[in-house]
Amino acid sequence: MTPPDVAADHPLLLMVEDDDVLRRRLARAMSTRGFTVREAASLAAARALVAEEPPEFALLDLRVEDGSTLDFASELLAIDPATRIVVLTGYGSIATAIGALKRGVVHYLTKPADADEILAAFAQGADDSSPELAALQPMSLARVEWEYINRVLVACGGNLSEAARTLKLHRRSLQRKLAKYPVKE
């Protein structure tokens, strides 16, 4: 599968991900799919790379060591409004998805996501379908529960005991729920 709507032979993809293993794996996979990949583990490193050459595509982990990449997405689009940005996160929620889409991100994916899913997300931003409408499609009860639990956990600063008390769950029950992968739709 080739990158969508790209005239250049090897479009530039900026990948901001603080998990070294995941970043390297995805960088290799995306380079075999025709991208020139620049990797950054932090926002500071990403800003330095963008100063050298703005990317056509950007894959941003929502949270990296020095902050949230949502403001950085706005910076990228201010430099080049044609940049297609996909946010990848392990802490997905409806609120952050809508916030990302409002800032001009073309798609929002929850981890784990493979290179083909990421490529499809970039392609979605190139066609006439509306990512805002896709984000507002009805979700299953299991997905709503998973999103709510993760939102409470983030609000509690990652403190599992405090989140369990807030949710009125036994701590071990909360751990079991969190051990599962995100529920699709």
C-alpha atoms as a PDB file:
ATOM      1  CA  MET A   1       0.000   0.000   0.000  1.00  0.00           C
ATOM      2  CA  THR A   2       1.440   3.387  -0.945  1.00  0.00           C
ATOM      3  CA  PRO A   3       1.001   6.637   0.979  1.00  0.00           C
ATOM      4  CA  PRO A   4      -2.109   8.587  -0.089  1.00  0.00           C
ATOM      5  CA  ASP A   5      -1.957  11.631  -2.387  1.00  0.00           C
ATOM      6  CA  VAL A   6       1.817  11.888  -2.457  1.00  0.00           C
ATOM      7  CA  ALA A   7       3.718  13.178  -5.433  1.00  0.00           C
ATOM      8  CA  ALA A   8       7.196  12.671  -4.000  1.00  0.00           C
ATOM      9  CA  ASP A   9       8.825   9.255  -4.088  1.00  0.00           C
ATOM     10  CA  HIS A  10       9.545   9.231  -0.353  1.00  0.00           C
ATOM     11  CA  PRO A  11       7.366  11.601   1.676  1.00  0.00           C
ATOM     12  CA  LEU A  12       8.729  12.721   5.029  1.00  0.00           C
ATOM     13  CA  LEU A  13       7.050  11.204   8.095  1.00  0.00           C
ATOM     14  CA  LEU A  14       7.785  12.619  11.544  1.00  0.00           C
ATOM     15  CA  MET A  15       7.220  10.038  14.266  1.00  0.00           C
ATOM     16  CA  VAL A  16       7.054  11.297  17.864  1.00  0.00           C
ATOM     17  CA  GLU A  17       6.914   8.332  20.252  1.00  0.00           C
ATOM     18  CA  ASP A  18       8.671   7.940  23.611  1.00  0.00           C
ATOM     19  CA  ASP A  19       8.565   4.125  23.594  1.00  0.00           C
ATOM     20  CA  ASP A  20      11.873   3.341  21.838  1.00  0.00           C
ATOM     21  CA  VAL A  21      10.955  -0.212  20.821  1.00  0.00           C
ATOM     22  CA  LEU A  22       7.579   0.768  19.354  1.00  0.00           C
ATOM     23  CA  ARG A  23       9.050   3.832  17.603  1.00  0.00           C
ATOM     24  CA  ARG A  24      11.823   1.822  15.938  1.00  0.00           C
ATOM     25  CA  ARG A  25       9.452  -0.971  14.902  1.00  0.00           C
ATOM     26  CA  LEU A  26       6.944   1.447  13.373  1.00  0.00           C
ATOM     27  CA  ALA A  27       9.717   3.481  11.727  1.00  0.00           C
ATOM     28  CA  ARG A  28      11.041   0.361   9.981  1.00  0.00           C
ATOM     29  CA  ALA A  29       7.535  -0.647   8.904  1.00  0.00           C
ATOM     30  CA  MET A  30       6.709   2.821   7.558  1.00  0.00           C
ATOM     31  CA  SER A  31      10.025   3.125   5.705  1.00  0.00           C
ATOM     32  CA  THR A  32       9.300  -0.176   3.915  1.00  0.00           C
ATOM     33  CA  ARG A  33       6.006   1.408   2.842  1.00  0.00           C
ATOM     34  CA  GLY A  34       7.746   4.296   1.090  1.00  0.00           C
ATOM     35  CA  PHE A  35       8.268   6.931   3.774  1.00  0.00           C
ATOM     36  CA  THR A  36      11.428   8.712   4.836  1.00  0.00           C
ATOM     37  CA  VAL A  37      11.039   8.535   8.605  1.00  0.00           C
ATOM     38  CA  ARG A  38      12.419  10.988  11.152  1.00  0.00           C
ATOM     39  CA  GLU A  39      12.145   9.785  14.752  1.00  0.00           C
ATOM     40  CA  ALA A  40      11.819  11.817  17.954  1.00  0.00           C
ATOM     41  CA  ALA A  41      11.305  10.655  21.537  1.00  0.00           C
ATOM     42  CA  SER A  42      10.339  14.107  22.848  1.00  0.00           C
ATOM     43  CA  LEU A  43       8.687  17.339  21.772  1.00  0.00           C
ATOM     44  CA  ALA A  44      12.013  19.173  21.956  1.00  0.00           C
ATOM     45  CA  ALA A  45      13.611  16.703  19.536  1.00  0.00           C
ATOM     46  CA  ALA A  46      10.554  16.858  17.263  1.00  0.00           C
ATOM     47  CA  ARG A  47      10.673  20.671  17.121  1.00  0.00           C
ATOM     48  CA  ALA A  48      14.337  20.516  16.130  1.00  0.00           C
ATOM     49  CA  LEU A  49      13.538  18.089  13.290  1.00  0.00           C
ATOM     50  CA  VAL A  50      10.640  20.257  12.059  1.00  0.00           C
ATOM     51  CA  ALA A  51      12.915  23.318  12.046  1.00  0.00           C
ATOM     52  CA  GLU A  52      15.194  21.465   9.591  1.00  0.00           C
ATOM     53  CA  GLU A  53      12.395  20.247   7.329  1.00  0.00           C
ATOM     54  CA  PRO A  54       8.606  20.230   7.899  1.00  0.00           C
ATOM     55  CA  PRO A  55       7.038  16.790   7.330  1.00  0.00           C
ATOM     56  CA  GLU A  56       4.190  15.868   5.004  1.00  0.00           C
ATOM     57  CA  PHE A  57       2.958  13.321   7.566  1.00  0.00           C
ATOM     58  CA  ALA A  58       3.214  13.150  11.363  1.00  0.00           C
ATOM     59  CA  LEU A  59       2.467  10.292  13.744  1.00  0.00           C
ATOM     60  CA  LEU A  60       2.256  11.647  17.291  1.00  0.00           C
ATOM     61  CA  ASP A  61       2.000   9.730  20.539  1.00  0.00           C
ATOM     62  CA  LEU A  62      -0.492  11.745  22.611  1.00  0.00           C
ATOM     63  CA  ARG A  63       1.728  11.848  25.693  1.00  0.00           C
ATOM     64  CA  VAL A  64       5.505  11.981  25.595  1.00  0.00           C
ATOM     65  CA  GLU A  65       8.040  12.721  28.322  1.00  0.00           C
ATOM     66  CA  ASP A  66       7.855  16.506  27.949  1.00  0.00           C
ATOM     67  CA  GLY A  67       4.112  16.981  27.447  1.00  0.00           C
ATOM     68  CA  SER A  68       1.082  16.468  25.235  1.00  0.00           C
ATOM     69  CA  THR A  69       1.512  16.543  21.480  1.00  0.00           C
ATOM     70  CA  LEU A  70      -1.854  18.218  20.800  1.00  0.00           C
ATOM     71  CA  ASP A  71      -0.318  21.710  21.018  1.00  0.00           C
ATOM     72  CA  PHE A  72       2.537  20.474  18.834  1.00  0.00           C
ATOM     73  CA  ALA A  73      -0.026  19.324  16.243  1.00  0.00           C
ATOM     74  CA  SER A  74      -1.287  22.910  16.079  1.00  0.00           C
ATOM     75  CA  GLU A  75       2.304  24.138  15.642  1.00  0.00           C
ATOM     76  CA  LEU A  76       2.856  21.703  12.760  1.00  0.00           C
ATOM     77  CA  LEU A  77      -0.316  22.823  11.000  1.00  0.00           C
ATOM     78  CA  ALA A  78       0.653  26.482  11.446  1.00  0.00           C
ATOM     79  CA  ILE A  79       3.929  25.741   9.623  1.00  0.00           C
ATOM     80  CA  ASP A  80       2.280  23.638   6.885  1.00  0.00           C
ATOM     81  CA  PRO A  81      -1.532  23.276   6.830  1.00  0.00           C
ATOM     82  CA  ALA A  82      -1.224  20.354   4.382  1.00  0.00           C
ATOM     83  CA  THR A  83       0.542  18.155   6.960  1.00  0.00           C
ATOM     84  CA  ARG A  84      -1.550  15.081   7.724  1.00  0.00           C
ATOM     85  CA  ILE A  85      -1.365  14.187  11.403  1.00  0.00           C
ATOM     86  CA  VAL A  86      -2.437  10.994  13.151  1.00  0.00           C
ATOM     87  CA  VAL A  87      -2.438  10.774  16.948  1.00  0.00           C
ATOM     88  CA  LEU A  88      -1.600   7.401  18.497  1.00  0.00           C
ATOM     89  CA  THR A  89      -2.295   6.830  22.187  1.00  0.00           C
ATOM     90  CA  GLY A  90      -2.588   4.210  24.855  1.00  0.00           C
ATOM     91  CA  TYR A  91      -4.903   6.507  26.831  1.00  0.00           C
ATOM     92  CA  GLY A  92      -7.724   7.022  24.367  1.00  0.00           C
ATOM     93  CA  SER A  93     -10.839   8.907  25.332  1.00  0.00           C
ATOM     94  CA  ILE A  94     -13.663  10.615  23.511  1.00  0.00           C
ATOM     95  CA  ALA A  95     -12.657  14.002  24.927  1.00  0.00           C
ATOM     96  CA  THR A  96      -9.061  13.802  23.675  1.00  0.00           C
ATOM     97  CA  ALA A  97     -10.184  12.394  20.315  1.00  0.00           C
ATOM     98  CA  ILE A  98     -12.552  15.295  19.749  1.00  0.00           C
ATOM     99  CA  GLY A  99      -9.909  17.754  20.958  1.00  0.00           C
ATOM    100  CA  ALA A 100      -7.387  16.304  18.514  1.00  0.00           C
ATOM    101  CA  LEU A 101      -9.833  16.450  15.602  1.00  0.00           C
ATOM    102  CA  LYS A 102     -10.692  20.065  16.420  1.00  0.00           C
ATOM    103  CA  ARG A 103      -6.980  20.905  16.184  1.00  0.00           C
ATOM    104  CA  GLY A 104      -6.776  19.513  12.650  1.00  0.00           C
ATOM    105  CA  VAL A 105      -5.610  15.944  13.281  1.00  0.00           C
ATOM    106  CA  VAL A 106      -6.932  13.655  10.516  1.00  0.00           C
ATOM    107  CA  HIS A 107      -7.319  10.560  12.694  1.00  0.00           C
ATOM    108  CA  TYR A 108      -6.941   9.287  16.251  1.00  0.00           C
ATOM    109  CA  LEU A 109      -5.848   5.698  16.940  1.00  0.00           C
ATOM    110  CA  THR A 110      -5.539   3.746  20.169  1.00  0.00           C
ATOM    111  CA  LYS A 111      -2.598   1.431  20.773  1.00  0.00           C
ATOM    112  CA  PRO A 112      -1.857  -1.204  19.731  1.00  0.00           C
ATOM    113  CA  ALA A 113      -1.955  -0.133  16.078  1.00  0.00           C
ATOM    114  CA  ASP A 114       0.122  -1.567  13.259  1.00  0.00           C
ATOM    115  CA  ALA A 115       1.617   0.171  10.228  1.00  0.00           C
ATOM    116  CA  ASP A 116      -1.304  -0.740   7.953  1.00  0.00           C
ATOM    117  CA  GLU A 117      -3.814   0.793  10.372  1.00  0.00           C
ATOM    118  CA  ILE A 118      -1.686   3.943  10.556  1.00  0.00           C
ATOM    119  CA  LEU A 119      -1.437   4.119   6.770  1.00  0.00           C
ATOM    120  CA  ALA A 120      -5.218   3.717   6.507  1.00  0.00           C
ATOM    121  CA  ALA A 121      -5.628   6.532   9.057  1.00  0.00           C
ATOM    122  CA  PHE A 122      -3.488   8.849   6.908  1.00  0.00           C
ATOM    123  CA  ALA A 123      -5.562   7.848   3.867  1.00  0.00           C
ATOM    124  CA  GLN A 124      -8.779   8.612   5.733  1.00  0.00           C
ATOM    125  CA  GLY A 125      -7.684  12.220   6.011  1.00  0.00           C
ATOM    126  CA  ALA A 126      -7.265  12.378   2.234  1.00  0.00           C
ATOM    127  CA  ASP A 127     -10.775  11.306   1.266  1.00  0.00           C
ATOM    128  CA  ASP A 128     -14.221  12.882   1.695  1.00  0.00           C
ATOM    129  CA  SER A 129     -15.260  10.924   4.792  1.00  0.00           C
ATOM    130  CA  SER A 130     -15.499  12.974   7.949  1.00  0.00           C
ATOM    131  CA  PRO A 131     -13.343  11.807  10.875  1.00  0.00           C
ATOM    132  CA  GLU A 132     -15.520  13.924  13.181  1.00  0.00           C
ATOM    133  CA  LEU A 133     -18.553  11.849  12.226  1.00  0.00           C
ATOM    134  CA  ALA A 134     -16.634   8.610  12.693  1.00  0.00           C
ATOM    135  CA  ALA A 135     -15.636   9.716  16.201  1.00  0.00           C
ATOM    136  CA  LEU A 136     -19.271  10.363  17.092  1.00  0.00           C
ATOM    137  CA  GLN A 137     -20.643   6.978  15.994  1.00  0.00           C
ATOM    138  CA  PRO A 138     -22.437   5.096  18.790  1.00  0.00           C
ATOM    139  CA  MET A 139     -20.098   2.962  20.879  1.00  0.00           C
ATOM    140  CA  SER A 140     -20.795  -0.304  22.596  1.00  0.00           C
ATOM    141  CA  LEU A 141     -21.415  -0.277  26.327  1.00  0.00           C
ATOM    142  CA  ALA A 142     -18.108  -2.112  26.860  1.00  0.00           C
ATOM    143  CA  ARG A 143     -16.217   0.602  24.959  1.00  0.00           C
ATOM    144  CA  VAL A 144     -17.928   3.397  26.929  1.00  0.00           C
ATOM    145  CA  GLU A 145     -16.977   1.638  30.176  1.00  0.00           C
ATOM    146  CA  TRP A 146     -13.343   1.233  29.056  1.00  0.00           C
ATOM    147  CA  GLU A 147     -13.109   4.933  28.069  1.00  0.00           C
ATOM    148  CA  TYR A 148     -14.677   6.082  31.355  1.00  0.00           C
ATOM    149  CA  ILE A 149     -12.352   3.930  33.470  1.00  0.00           C
ATOM    150  CA  ASN A 150      -9.293   5.304  31.668  1.00  0.00           C
ATOM    151  CA  ARG A 151     -10.546   8.893  31.994  1.00  0.00           C
ATOM    152  CA  VAL A 152     -10.992   8.420  35.762  1.00  0.00           C
ATOM    153  CA  LEU A 153      -7.551   6.811  36.018  1.00  0.00           C
ATOM    154  CA  VAL A 154      -5.958   9.791  34.235  1.00  0.00           C
ATOM    155  CA  ALA A 155      -7.900  12.210  36.472  1.00  0.00           C
ATOM    156  CA  CYS A 156      -6.491  10.357  39.500  1.00  0.00           C
ATOM    157  CA  GLY A 157      -2.957  10.821  38.207  1.00  0.00           C
ATOM    158  CA  GLY A 158      -2.550   7.123  37.452  1.00  0.00           C
ATOM    159  CA  ASN A 159      -3.168   6.170  41.105  1.00  0.00           C
ATOM    160  CA  LEU A 160      -4.942   2.825  40.825  1.00  0.00           C
ATOM    161  CA  SER A 161      -6.196   2.763  44.433  1.00  0.00           C
ATOM    162  CA  GLU A 162      -7.687   6.253  44.176  1.00  0.00           C
ATOM    163  CA  ALA A 163      -9.311   5.422  40.818  1.00  0.00           C
ATOM    164  CA  ALA A 164     -10.818   2.226  42.297  1.00  0.00           C
ATOM    165  CA  ARG A 165     -12.297   4.226  45.194  1.00  0.00           C
ATOM    166  CA  THR A 166     -13.679   6.843  42.789  1.00  0.00           C
ATOM    167  CA  LEU A 167     -15.239   4.136  40.610  1.00  0.00           C
ATOM    168  CA  LYS A 168     -16.481   2.231  43.672  1.00  0.00           C
ATOM    169  CA  LEU A 169     -14.685  -0.899  42.470  1.00  0.00           C
ATOM    170  CA  HIS A 170     -12.394  -3.314  44.233  1.00  0.00           C
ATOM    171  CA  ARG A 171      -8.786  -2.535  43.273  1.00  0.00           C
ATOM    172  CA  ARG A 172      -8.249  -6.020  41.824  1.00  0.00           C
ATOM    173  CA  SER A 173     -11.418  -5.739  39.683  1.00  0.00           C
ATOM    174  CA  LEU A 174     -10.107  -2.484  38.271  1.00  0.00           C
ATOM    175  CA  GLN A 175      -6.743  -4.118  37.536  1.00  0.00           C
ATOM    176  CA  ARG A 176      -8.486  -6.915  35.595  1.00  0.00           C
ATOM    177  CA  LYS A 177     -10.494  -4.406  33.555  1.00  0.00           C
ATOM    178  CA  LEU A 178      -7.365  -2.395  32.758  1.00  0.00           C
ATOM    179  CA  ALA A 179      -5.421  -5.510  31.713  1.00  0.00           C
ATOM    180  CA  LYS A 180      -7.758  -5.966  28.742  1.00  0.00           C
ATOM    181  CA  TYR A 181      -7.108  -4.315  25.404  1.00  0.00           C
ATOM    182  CA  PRO A 182      -9.432  -1.480  24.398  1.00  0.00           C
ATOM    183  CA  VAL A 183     -12.774  -2.716  23.161  1.00  0.00           C
ATOM    184  CA  LYS A 184     -13.448  -1.959  19.494  1.00  0.00           C
ATOM    185  CA  GLU A 185     -16.388   0.405  18.922  1.00  0.00           C
END
